[in-house]
Amino acid sequence: VQLVESGGGLVQPGGSLRLSCAASGFTFSRYVMRWYRQAPEKEREWVGDIDSAGRTTRYADSVKGRFTISRDNTKNTVYLQMDSLKFEDTAVYYCNVFFTGVAYWGKGTLVTVSA
């Protein structure tokens, strides 16, 4: 299993970024995909997830209404569209899948929200 996040960068408050996570090594279309983030000196926290078909999404209260998760099962990729970014969204963002009872993580992509 391999998960590779991309799309992070520096953005001003109020701006937008779209993160991608390319997956391989498992049948992507059968699994829930999750996004997490870890801010400096804080524990990793769940951001949201999307079901295998892409019909149902859930979000942490801190990002609800600003972030949108989607997926393209033809490209084995899950996305995190982040709008109205705030300083407190600064973190390394990770995608995650539970496959055969094991949690797999990518290496993450850094998002920095700064003026």
N, C-alpha and C. Protein backbone atom coordinates (compact mmCIF):
# COMPACT_ATOMS: atom_id res chain seq x y z
N VAL A 1 0.85 -1.19 0.00
CA VAL A 1 0.00 0.00 0.00
C VAL A 1 0.88 1.23 0.00
N GLN A 2 0.54 2.14 -0.88
CA GLN A 2 1.28 3.40 -0.92
C GLN A 2 0.30 4.56 -1.05
N LEU A 3 0.50 5.57 -0.24
CA LEU A 3 -0.30 6.79 -0.28
C LEU A 3 0.66 7.96 -0.43
N VAL A 4 0.41 8.80 -1.43
CA VAL A 4 1.30 9.92 -1.69
C VAL A 4 0.48 11.20 -1.77
N GLU A 5 0.66 12.06 -0.77
CA GLU A 5 -0.04 13.33 -0.74
C GLU A 5 0.74 14.39 -1.51
N SER A 6 0.01 15.35 -2.06
CA SER A 6 0.63 16.47 -2.76
C SER A 6 -0.32 17.66 -2.72
N GLY A 7 0.22 18.82 -3.08
CA GLY A 7 -0.62 20.01 -3.20
C GLY A 7 -0.48 21.01 -2.08
N GLY A 8 0.32 20.69 -1.07
CA GLY A 8 0.49 21.63 0.01
C GLY A 8 1.30 22.84 -0.42
N GLY A 9 1.35 23.83 0.47
CA GLY A 9 2.11 25.03 0.17
C GLY A 9 1.76 26.14 1.11
N LEU A 10 2.21 27.33 0.74
CA LEU A 10 1.97 28.53 1.52
C LEU A 10 0.77 29.27 0.94
N VAL A 11 -0.16 29.65 1.79
CA VAL A 11 -1.36 30.33 1.34
C VAL A 11 -1.74 31.40 2.37
N GLN A 12 -2.33 32.47 1.90
CA GLN A 12 -2.76 33.53 2.81
C GLN A 12 -4.09 33.16 3.47
N PRO A 13 -4.37 33.71 4.62
CA PRO A 13 -5.69 33.48 5.25
C PRO A 13 -6.81 33.86 4.27
N GLY A 14 -7.83 33.02 4.25
CA GLY A 14 -8.93 33.23 3.32
C GLY A 14 -8.73 32.57 1.98
N GLY A 15 -7.54 32.07 1.73
CA GLY A 15 -7.23 31.44 0.46
C GLY A 15 -7.67 29.99 0.39
N SER A 16 -7.32 29.35 -0.73
CA SER A 16 -7.73 27.97 -0.98
C SER A 16 -6.55 27.14 -1.45
N LEU A 17 -6.64 25.86 -1.17
CA LEU A 17 -5.69 24.87 -1.69
C LEU A 17 -6.46 23.58 -1.92
N ARG A 18 -5.98 22.79 -2.88
CA ARG A 18 -6.53 21.45 -3.06
C ARG A 18 -5.41 20.44 -2.91
N LEU A 19 -5.58 19.57 -1.97
CA LEU A 19 -4.64 18.49 -1.75
C LEU A 19 -5.10 17.24 -2.49
N SER A 20 -4.14 16.45 -2.90
CA SER A 20 -4.43 15.16 -3.55
C SER A 20 -3.71 14.06 -2.80
N CYS A 21 -4.26 12.88 -2.87
CA CYS A 21 -3.62 11.70 -2.31
C CYS A 21 -3.78 10.57 -3.32
N ALA A 22 -2.67 10.17 -3.92
CA ALA A 22 -2.67 9.10 -4.90
C ALA A 22 -2.41 7.78 -4.18
N ALA A 23 -3.28 6.81 -4.41
CA ALA A 23 -3.20 5.53 -3.70
C ALA A 23 -2.85 4.40 -4.66
N SER A 24 -2.16 3.42 -4.13
CA SER A 24 -1.84 2.22 -4.91
C SER A 24 -1.63 1.05 -3.96
N GLY A 25 -1.70 -0.15 -4.52
CA GLY A 25 -1.44 -1.34 -3.72
C GLY A 25 -2.66 -1.99 -3.10
N PHE A 26 -3.82 -1.43 -3.37
CA PHE A 26 -5.07 -2.02 -2.88
C PHE A 26 -6.19 -1.57 -3.82
N THR A 27 -7.34 -2.20 -3.67
CA THR A 27 -8.47 -1.85 -4.52
C THR A 27 -9.13 -0.60 -3.96
N PHE A 28 -8.70 0.52 -4.47
CA PHE A 28 -9.05 1.84 -3.92
C PHE A 28 -10.56 2.02 -3.79
N SER A 29 -11.29 1.59 -4.79
CA SER A 29 -12.73 1.86 -4.84
C SER A 29 -13.53 1.12 -3.77
N ARG A 30 -12.88 0.27 -3.00
CA ARG A 30 -13.60 -0.49 -1.98
C ARG A 30 -13.42 0.07 -0.58
N TYR A 31 -12.63 1.12 -0.43
CA TYR A 31 -12.25 1.54 0.91
C TYR A 31 -12.60 3.00 1.21
N VAL A 32 -13.00 3.21 2.48
CA VAL A 32 -13.13 4.56 3.00
C VAL A 32 -11.75 5.19 3.05
N MET A 33 -11.68 6.43 2.65
CA MET A 33 -10.44 7.19 2.72
C MET A 33 -10.60 8.35 3.70
N ARG A 34 -9.55 8.59 4.44
CA ARG A 34 -9.60 9.60 5.50
C ARG A 34 -8.49 10.63 5.33
N TRP A 35 -8.75 11.84 5.79
CA TRP A 35 -7.72 12.88 5.88
C TRP A 35 -7.53 13.21 7.36
N TYR A 36 -6.27 13.36 7.74
CA TYR A 36 -5.89 13.80 9.08
C TYR A 36 -4.92 14.97 8.93
N ARG A 37 -4.68 15.64 10.02
CA ARG A 37 -3.67 16.68 10.02
C ARG A 37 -2.99 16.74 11.38
N GLN A 38 -1.77 17.26 11.35
CA GLN A 38 -1.02 17.41 12.59
C GLN A 38 -0.35 18.77 12.59
N ALA A 39 -0.79 19.61 13.49
CA ALA A 39 -0.20 20.94 13.63
C ALA A 39 1.03 20.85 14.53
N PRO A 40 1.91 21.83 14.44
CA PRO A 40 3.11 21.82 15.26
C PRO A 40 2.78 21.65 16.74
N GLU A 41 3.44 20.70 17.38
CA GLU A 41 3.31 20.45 18.81
C GLU A 41 1.91 20.02 19.22
N LYS A 42 1.15 19.49 18.28
CA LYS A 42 -0.18 18.99 18.60
C LYS A 42 -0.32 17.56 18.11
N GLU A 43 -1.32 16.87 18.63
CA GLU A 43 -1.56 15.50 18.19
C GLU A 43 -2.24 15.50 16.82
N ARG A 44 -2.07 14.40 16.13
CA ARG A 44 -2.72 14.25 14.84
C ARG A 44 -4.23 14.19 15.07
N GLU A 45 -4.98 14.89 14.21
CA GLU A 45 -6.43 14.91 14.36
C GLU A 45 -7.11 14.56 13.05
N TRP A 46 -8.25 13.94 13.19
CA TRP A 46 -9.06 13.56 12.04
C TRP A 46 -9.69 14.81 11.43
N VAL A 47 -9.62 14.92 10.11
CA VAL A 47 -10.21 16.04 9.39
C VAL A 47 -11.55 15.64 8.77
N GLY A 48 -11.57 14.46 8.17
CA GLY A 48 -12.80 14.01 7.54
C GLY A 48 -12.57 12.73 6.77
N ASP A 49 -13.66 12.17 6.24
CA ASP A 49 -13.52 10.96 5.45
C ASP A 49 -14.61 10.86 4.38
N ILE A 50 -14.42 9.92 3.49
CA ILE A 50 -15.35 9.73 2.38
C ILE A 50 -15.54 8.24 2.17
N ASP A 51 -16.77 7.82 1.92
CA ASP A 51 -17.02 6.39 1.73
C ASP A 51 -16.48 5.92 0.40
N SER A 52 -16.54 4.63 0.21
CA SER A 52 -15.87 4.03 -0.96
C SER A 52 -16.44 4.53 -2.28
N ALA A 53 -17.74 4.80 -2.31
CA ALA A 53 -18.38 5.25 -3.56
C ALA A 53 -18.30 6.76 -3.74
N GLY A 54 -17.89 7.45 -2.71
CA GLY A 54 -17.82 8.90 -2.82
C GLY A 54 -19.13 9.60 -2.57
N ARG A 55 -20.09 8.89 -1.98
CA ARG A 55 -21.41 9.48 -1.78
C ARG A 55 -21.56 10.15 -0.43
N THR A 56 -20.84 9.68 0.56
CA THR A 56 -21.01 10.17 1.93
C THR A 56 -19.69 10.70 2.46
N THR A 57 -19.75 11.90 3.00
CA THR A 57 -18.57 12.50 3.61
C THR A 57 -18.90 12.95 5.03
N ARG A 58 -17.87 12.99 5.85
CA ARG A 58 -18.01 13.48 7.22
C ARG A 58 -16.84 14.39 7.49
N TYR A 59 -17.05 15.36 8.35
CA TYR A 59 -16.02 16.34 8.62
C TYR A 59 -15.95 16.67 10.11
N ALA A 60 -14.74 17.02 10.53
CA ALA A 60 -14.60 17.57 11.88
C ALA A 60 -15.29 18.92 11.93
N ASP A 61 -15.78 19.26 13.11
CA ASP A 61 -16.47 20.55 13.25
C ASP A 61 -15.58 21.72 12.87
N SER A 62 -14.30 21.59 13.10
CA SER A 62 -13.37 22.69 12.86
C SER A 62 -13.23 23.03 11.37
N VAL A 63 -13.60 22.11 10.49
CA VAL A 63 -13.44 22.36 9.04
C VAL A 63 -14.76 22.30 8.29
N LYS A 64 -15.83 21.93 8.97
CA LYS A 64 -17.12 21.76 8.30
C LYS A 64 -17.55 23.06 7.64
N GLY A 65 -17.97 22.96 6.39
CA GLY A 65 -18.39 24.14 5.64
C GLY A 65 -17.27 24.83 4.90
N ARG A 66 -16.02 24.45 5.21
CA ARG A 66 -14.87 25.06 4.53
C ARG A 66 -14.09 24.05 3.70
N PHE A 67 -14.06 22.81 4.14
CA PHE A 67 -13.31 21.76 3.45
C PHE A 67 -14.27 20.80 2.78
N THR A 68 -13.83 20.26 1.64
CA THR A 68 -14.63 19.28 0.91
C THR A 68 -13.74 18.13 0.47
N ILE A 69 -14.17 16.93 0.80
CA ILE A 69 -13.45 15.73 0.38
C ILE A 69 -14.18 15.11 -0.81
N SER A 70 -13.41 14.71 -1.80
CA SER A 70 -13.97 14.02 -2.95
C SER A 70 -12.98 12.94 -3.38
N ARG A 71 -13.40 12.10 -4.30
CA ARG A 71 -12.51 11.06 -4.79
C ARG A 71 -12.84 10.75 -6.23
N ASP A 72 -11.82 10.24 -6.92
CA ASP A 72 -11.98 9.77 -8.29
C ASP A 72 -11.48 8.34 -8.31
N ASN A 73 -12.41 7.41 -8.32
CA ASN A 73 -12.02 6.00 -8.26
C ASN A 73 -11.37 5.52 -9.56
N THR A 74 -11.51 6.27 -10.63
CA THR A 74 -10.84 5.90 -11.88
C THR A 74 -9.37 6.29 -11.83
N LYS A 75 -9.04 7.21 -10.93
CA LYS A 75 -7.65 7.67 -10.81
C LYS A 75 -7.01 7.25 -9.49
N ASN A 76 -7.76 6.49 -8.67
CA ASN A 76 -7.26 6.06 -7.36
C ASN A 76 -6.74 7.25 -6.55
N THR A 77 -7.52 8.31 -6.55
CA THR A 77 -7.08 9.54 -5.90
C THR A 77 -8.21 10.12 -5.05
N VAL A 78 -7.85 10.60 -3.88
CA VAL A 78 -8.78 11.31 -3.02
C VAL A 78 -8.27 12.75 -2.88
N TYR A 79 -9.21 13.67 -2.78
CA TYR A 79 -8.88 15.09 -2.75
C TYR A 79 -9.40 15.74 -1.47
N LEU A 80 -8.73 16.82 -1.09
CA LEU A 80 -9.20 17.65 0.00
C LEU A 80 -9.16 19.09 -0.48
N GLN A 81 -10.33 19.63 -0.78
CA GLN A 81 -10.44 21.03 -1.18
C GLN A 81 -10.60 21.86 0.08
N MET A 82 -9.70 22.80 0.27
CA MET A 82 -9.70 23.62 1.48
C MET A 82 -9.93 25.07 1.09
N ASP A 83 -11.01 25.63 1.55
CA ASP A 83 -11.36 27.03 1.28
C ASP A 83 -11.41 27.81 2.59
N SER A 84 -11.39 29.11 2.45
CA SER A 84 -11.47 29.99 3.62
C SER A 84 -10.47 29.57 4.69
N LEU A 85 -9.25 29.37 4.27
CA LEU A 85 -8.23 28.85 5.18
C LEU A 85 -7.92 29.85 6.29
N LYS A 86 -7.63 29.28 7.45
CA LYS A 86 -7.32 30.08 8.63
C LYS A 86 -5.91 29.75 9.13
N PHE A 87 -5.36 30.62 9.94
CA PHE A 87 -4.03 30.37 10.50
C PHE A 87 -3.99 28.98 11.16
N GLU A 88 -5.05 28.64 11.86
CA GLU A 88 -5.06 27.38 12.61
C GLU A 88 -5.19 26.14 11.74
N ASP A 89 -5.32 26.32 10.45
CA ASP A 89 -5.29 25.17 9.54
C ASP A 89 -3.87 24.76 9.16
N THR A 90 -2.89 25.53 9.61
CA THR A 90 -1.50 25.18 9.34
C THR A 90 -1.17 23.84 9.97
N ALA A 91 -0.71 22.91 9.14
CA ALA A 91 -0.45 21.55 9.61
C ALA A 91 0.14 20.73 8.47
N VAL A 92 0.64 19.57 8.83
CA VAL A 92 0.93 18.55 7.83
C VAL A 92 -0.33 17.71 7.66
N TYR A 93 -0.75 17.55 6.42
CA TYR A 93 -1.98 16.83 6.11
C TYR A 93 -1.63 15.45 5.56
N TYR A 94 -2.33 14.45 6.09
CA TYR A 94 -2.08 13.06 5.74
C TYR A 94 -3.35 12.40 5.24
N CYS A 95 -3.22 11.52 4.29
CA CYS A 95 -4.35 10.65 3.99
C CYS A 95 -4.09 9.28 4.59
N ASN A 96 -5.16 8.54 4.76
CA ASN A 96 -5.12 7.32 5.55
C ASN A 96 -6.12 6.31 5.01
N VAL A 97 -5.74 5.05 5.08
CA VAL A 97 -6.67 3.97 4.78
C VAL A 97 -6.41 2.82 5.74
N PHE A 98 -7.48 2.16 6.16
CA PHE A 98 -7.35 0.93 6.92
C PHE A 98 -7.51 -0.22 5.94
N PHE A 99 -6.45 -1.01 5.79
CA PHE A 99 -6.45 -2.10 4.83
C PHE A 99 -6.01 -3.36 5.56
N THR A 100 -6.84 -4.36 5.54
CA THR A 100 -6.60 -5.62 6.26
C THR A 100 -6.23 -5.36 7.71
N GLY A 101 -6.95 -4.42 8.33
CA GLY A 101 -6.76 -4.15 9.74
C GLY A 101 -5.57 -3.29 10.10
N VAL A 102 -4.86 -2.84 9.11
CA VAL A 102 -3.67 -2.02 9.35
C VAL A 102 -3.92 -0.62 8.83
N ALA A 103 -3.51 0.38 9.60
CA ALA A 103 -3.63 1.77 9.17
C ALA A 103 -2.40 2.16 8.37
N TYR A 104 -2.64 2.63 7.17
CA TYR A 104 -1.55 3.10 6.30
C TYR A 104 -1.64 4.61 6.17
N TRP A 105 -0.48 5.22 6.14
CA TRP A 105 -0.37 6.67 6.05
C TRP A 105 0.60 7.06 4.95
N GLY A 106 0.32 8.22 4.37
CA GLY A 106 1.31 8.80 3.49
C GLY A 106 2.33 9.58 4.31
N LYS A 107 3.26 10.23 3.63
CA LYS A 107 4.28 11.01 4.32
C LYS A 107 3.79 12.41 4.66
N GLY A 108 2.66 12.79 4.08
CA GLY A 108 2.06 14.07 4.39
C GLY A 108 2.50 15.19 3.47
N THR A 109 1.71 16.25 3.47
CA THR A 109 2.06 17.46 2.73
C THR A 109 1.78 18.65 3.63
N LEU A 110 2.71 19.59 3.64
CA LEU A 110 2.65 20.71 4.57
C LEU A 110 1.80 21.85 4.00
N VAL A 111 0.86 22.31 4.80
CA VAL A 111 0.06 23.48 4.47
C VAL A 111 0.38 24.55 5.50
N THR A 112 0.79 25.69 5.01
CA THR A 112 1.11 26.82 5.90
C THR A 112 0.21 27.99 5.52
N VAL A 113 -0.55 28.44 6.50
CA VAL A 113 -1.43 29.59 6.29
C VAL A 113 -0.79 30.78 7.00
N SER A 114 -0.36 31.74 6.22
CA SER A 114 0.37 32.87 6.78
C SER A 114 0.16 34.09 5.92
N ALA A 115 0.16 35.23 6.59
CA ALA A 115 0.04 36.49 5.85
C ALA A 115 1.41 36.94 5.36
